[in-house]
Protein backbone atom coordinates (compact mmCIF):
# COMPACT_ATOMS: atom_id res chain seq x y z
CA UNK A 1 -25.20 10.21 -16.77
CA UNK A 2 -24.45 9.82 -13.04
CA UNK A 3 -25.02 7.03 -10.56
CA UNK A 4 -24.72 6.58 -6.81
CA UNK A 5 -22.06 4.03 -5.89
CA UNK A 6 -21.66 2.47 -2.48
CA UNK A 7 -18.16 1.33 -1.63
CA UNK A 8 -16.47 -0.04 1.47
CA UNK A 9 -13.18 1.83 1.54
CA UNK A 10 -10.67 1.30 4.34
CA UNK A 11 -13.41 -0.32 6.42
CA UNK A 12 -15.92 2.54 6.01
CA UNK A 13 -19.05 2.38 3.91
CA UNK A 14 -19.05 5.38 1.56
CA UNK A 15 -21.46 6.65 -1.09
CA UNK A 16 -20.79 9.01 -3.94
CA UNK A 17 -22.57 10.28 -7.01
CA UNK A 18 -20.22 9.82 -9.96
CA UNK A 19 -20.39 9.75 -13.75
CA UNK A 20 -21.13 6.18 -14.84
CA UNK A 21 -17.86 6.01 -16.77
CA UNK A 22 -15.71 6.77 -13.68
CA UNK A 23 -12.96 4.41 -12.69
CA UNK A 24 -12.23 3.37 -9.14
CA UNK A 25 -9.26 5.76 -9.21
CA UNK A 26 -11.38 8.73 -10.20
CA UNK A 27 -13.97 7.89 -7.56
CA UNK A 28 -11.38 7.54 -4.81
CA UNK A 29 -9.57 10.77 -5.69
CA UNK A 30 -12.29 13.10 -6.92
CA UNK A 31 -15.48 11.91 -5.26
CA UNK A 32 -14.12 10.62 -1.94
CA UNK A 33 -11.06 12.86 -1.54
CA UNK A 34 -8.62 9.98 -1.00
CA UNK A 35 -5.63 11.34 -2.89
CA UNK A 36 -3.06 8.83 -1.65
CA UNK A 37 -3.79 6.66 -4.66
CA UNK A 38 -1.87 8.37 -7.46
CA UNK A 39 -3.05 9.08 -10.97
CA UNK A 40 -0.11 8.30 -13.21
CA UNK A 41 -0.39 6.89 -16.69
CA UNK A 42 -4.16 6.17 -16.79
CA UNK A 43 -3.48 3.08 -18.89
CA UNK A 44 -2.20 0.45 -16.45
CA UNK A 45 1.51 0.81 -17.11
CA UNK A 46 2.91 2.45 -13.95
CA UNK A 47 1.13 0.89 -10.94
CA UNK A 48 0.89 4.20 -9.03
CA UNK A 49 -2.87 3.67 -8.68
CA UNK A 50 -2.62 0.18 -7.14
CA UNK A 51 -5.19 -0.51 -4.42
CA UNK A 52 -6.42 -3.77 -2.92
CA UNK A 53 -9.81 -5.08 -3.91
CA UNK A 54 -10.83 -7.93 -1.61
CA UNK A 55 -7.15 -8.26 -0.67
CA UNK A 56 -5.84 -8.48 -4.24
CA UNK A 57 -3.91 -5.69 -5.97
CA UNK A 58 -5.74 -4.01 -8.85
CA UNK A 59 -4.99 -1.03 -11.02
CA UNK A 60 -7.63 1.49 -9.99
CA UNK A 61 -7.22 3.43 -13.25
CA UNK A 62 -8.46 0.42 -15.22
CA UNK A 63 -11.14 -0.76 -12.80
CA UNK A 64 -14.64 0.55 -13.44
CA UNK A 65 -16.00 1.82 -10.12
CA UNK A 66 -19.07 -0.40 -10.32
CA UNK A 67 -16.77 -3.45 -10.13
CA UNK A 68 -15.84 -2.38 -6.59
CA UNK A 69 -19.41 -2.19 -5.29
CA UNK A 70 -20.00 -4.74 -2.53
CA UNK A 71 -16.29 -5.45 -2.20
CA UNK A 72 -13.56 -4.28 0.21
CA UNK A 73 -11.27 -1.53 -1.11
CA UNK A 74 -8.06 -0.80 0.75
CA UNK A 75 -6.04 2.28 -0.13
CA UNK A 76 -2.72 3.51 1.24
CA UNK A 77 -4.68 5.70 3.68
CA UNK A 78 -6.06 2.52 5.22
CA UNK A 79 -2.69 0.93 6.02
CA UNK A 80 -1.97 2.93 9.18
CA UNK A 81 -3.79 1.87 12.35
CA UNK A 82 -4.37 3.65 15.65
CA UNK A 83 -2.37 6.65 14.49
CA UNK A 84 0.75 4.56 13.86
CA UNK A 85 2.18 3.84 10.41
CA UNK A 86 1.99 0.30 9.14
CA UNK A 87 5.35 -1.49 9.41
CA UNK A 88 5.69 -1.22 5.63
CA UNK A 89 5.27 2.55 5.81
CA UNK A 90 7.75 2.80 8.69
CA UNK A 91 10.27 0.58 6.90
CA UNK A 92 10.06 2.71 3.77
CA UNK A 93 10.99 5.74 5.84
CA UNK A 94 13.72 3.91 7.74
CA UNK A 95 15.34 2.57 4.56
CA UNK A 96 14.95 5.64 2.36
CA UNK A 97 12.82 3.59 -0.01
CA UNK A 98 10.71 6.56 -1.10
CA UNK A 99 12.44 9.32 -3.00
CA UNK A 100 10.00 11.44 -5.01
CA UNK A 101 7.20 9.38 -3.43
CA UNK A 102 4.89 9.28 -6.42
CA UNK A 103 5.07 5.50 -6.86
CA UNK A 104 5.18 4.78 -3.14
CA UNK A 105 1.44 4.31 -2.47
CA UNK A 106 1.11 1.76 -5.27
CA UNK A 107 4.30 -0.04 -4.24
CA UNK A 108 3.12 -0.16 -0.61
CA UNK A 109 -0.20 -1.68 -1.67
CA UNK A 110 1.45 -4.31 -3.89
CA UNK A 111 3.86 -5.15 -1.06
CA UNK A 112 1.03 -5.33 1.46
CA UNK A 113 -0.87 -7.78 -0.76
CA UNK A 114 2.28 -9.88 -1.07
CA UNK A 115 2.82 -9.98 2.69
CA UNK A 116 -0.82 -10.95 3.27
CA UNK A 117 -0.41 -14.06 1.13
CA UNK A 118 3.28 -14.73 1.81
CA UNK A 119 4.63 -13.39 5.11
CA UNK A 120 8.23 -14.38 4.33
CA UNK A 121 8.85 -13.66 0.65
CA UNK A 122 12.18 -14.11 -1.05
CA UNK A 123 13.80 -11.24 -2.92
CA UNK A 124 12.66 -12.83 -6.18
CA UNK A 125 9.07 -13.06 -4.93
CA UNK A 126 9.18 -9.39 -3.91
CA UNK A 127 10.57 -8.46 -7.31
CA UNK A 128 7.79 -10.41 -9.03
CA UNK A 129 5.05 -8.87 -6.82
CA UNK A 130 6.28 -5.39 -7.72
CA UNK A 131 6.55 -6.19 -11.43
CA UNK A 132 3.65 -3.85 -12.22
CA UNK A 133 4.98 -0.91 -10.19
CA UNK A 134 7.29 1.51 -11.97
CA UNK A 135 9.75 3.53 -9.87
CA UNK A 136 12.04 5.91 -11.72
CA UNK A 137 14.01 7.14 -8.70
CA UNK A 138 15.22 4.35 -6.44
CA UNK A 139 16.55 1.47 -8.50
CA UNK A 140 14.34 -0.75 -6.25
CA UNK A 141 17.08 -2.04 -3.90
CA UNK A 142 15.96 0.11 -0.98
CA UNK A 143 12.35 -0.81 -1.69
CA UNK A 144 13.20 -4.52 -1.55
CA UNK A 145 15.15 -4.02 1.68
CA UNK A 146 12.25 -2.12 3.26
CA UNK A 147 9.79 -4.86 2.37
CA UNK A 148 12.12 -7.52 3.79
CA UNK A 149 12.48 -5.46 6.98
CA UNK A 150 8.71 -5.03 7.30
CA UNK A 151 8.21 -8.77 6.79
CA UNK A 152 10.66 -9.47 9.63
CA UNK A 153 8.85 -7.00 11.90
CA UNK A 154 5.47 -8.51 11.14
CA UNK A 155 6.84 -12.03 11.70
CA UNK A 156 8.31 -10.97 15.06
CA UNK A 157 4.95 -9.51 16.09
CA UNK A 158 3.19 -12.76 15.25
CA UNK A 159 5.77 -14.91 17.08
CA UNK A 160 6.37 -12.64 20.04
CA UNK A 161 4.15 -11.42 22.85
CA UNK A 162 1.25 -9.20 21.82
CA UNK A 163 2.79 -6.27 23.73
CA UNK A 164 6.27 -6.70 22.23
CA UNK A 165 6.42 -2.92 22.01
CA UNK A 166 6.36 -0.53 19.12
CA UNK A 167 9.83 0.87 19.88
CA UNK A 168 11.51 -2.15 18.31
CA UNK A 169 9.11 -1.99 15.38
CA UNK A 170 10.16 1.50 14.39
CA UNK A 171 13.89 1.23 15.07
CA UNK A 172 15.77 2.96 12.25
CA UNK A 173 17.56 0.72 9.79
CA UNK A 174 21.22 0.39 10.55
CA UNK A 175 20.83 1.34 14.23
CA UNK A 176 23.82 0.25 16.32
CA UNK A 177 23.85 -1.11 19.86
CA UNK A 178 25.06 2.31 20.99
CA UNK A 179 21.98 3.91 19.34
CA UNK A 180 19.71 1.53 21.29
CA UNK A 181 21.22 2.42 24.68
C-alpha cells in the first residue's frame, strides 16, 4: 500500500508517493533523492541518519514518515546557505573532523541542534549531545574541536557587525599571523 506524504524539507514543501511502512530516512533517500542522510544500522544505534525535526534531532531510520508530515525537517543538505558551507561544515573541514565521512552528516545535525539551543556548549555538553552518534574513525577529539570552533564563529557573527566578512569565518584552524598576511 502506498500513500502521498507532504513534507517540508530544508524549507521546501515536497510530496512523494511512498509505501506506508517507509521511514523518514527511506523517504528522504529513495523518494526525495536527499542522500546526505546516511543509512547505517537501521535500528537506531549509530546516529548516521540523524536529522532535525522541528529543530530537535531524531533518528530518521526509526521515525515513520507520517510523523514528519506538517513539521519542519532539516537535513545536512539544508545546512549550507547562499552557496557557502555552514560554519559547522567549514570547521569540520578545517579541523580534519571527518575522516571516512559516513557519520559526519548525523554528527553535524546533532551538533547543529546543540548550537541552536546552547550557543556556547562546554566540551561535556558537546560529548553528551553526540552520545547517539557513533564514529569509528576519529576518536572524537577533532569533532569536539570543530564544534567548539564553529560555536566561536557563530558567537562572533552574532556579536560583531553583520558584514564581519566570511574570510575570518573560514580561516583554517591553526593559521598563523604570517598566513593571514
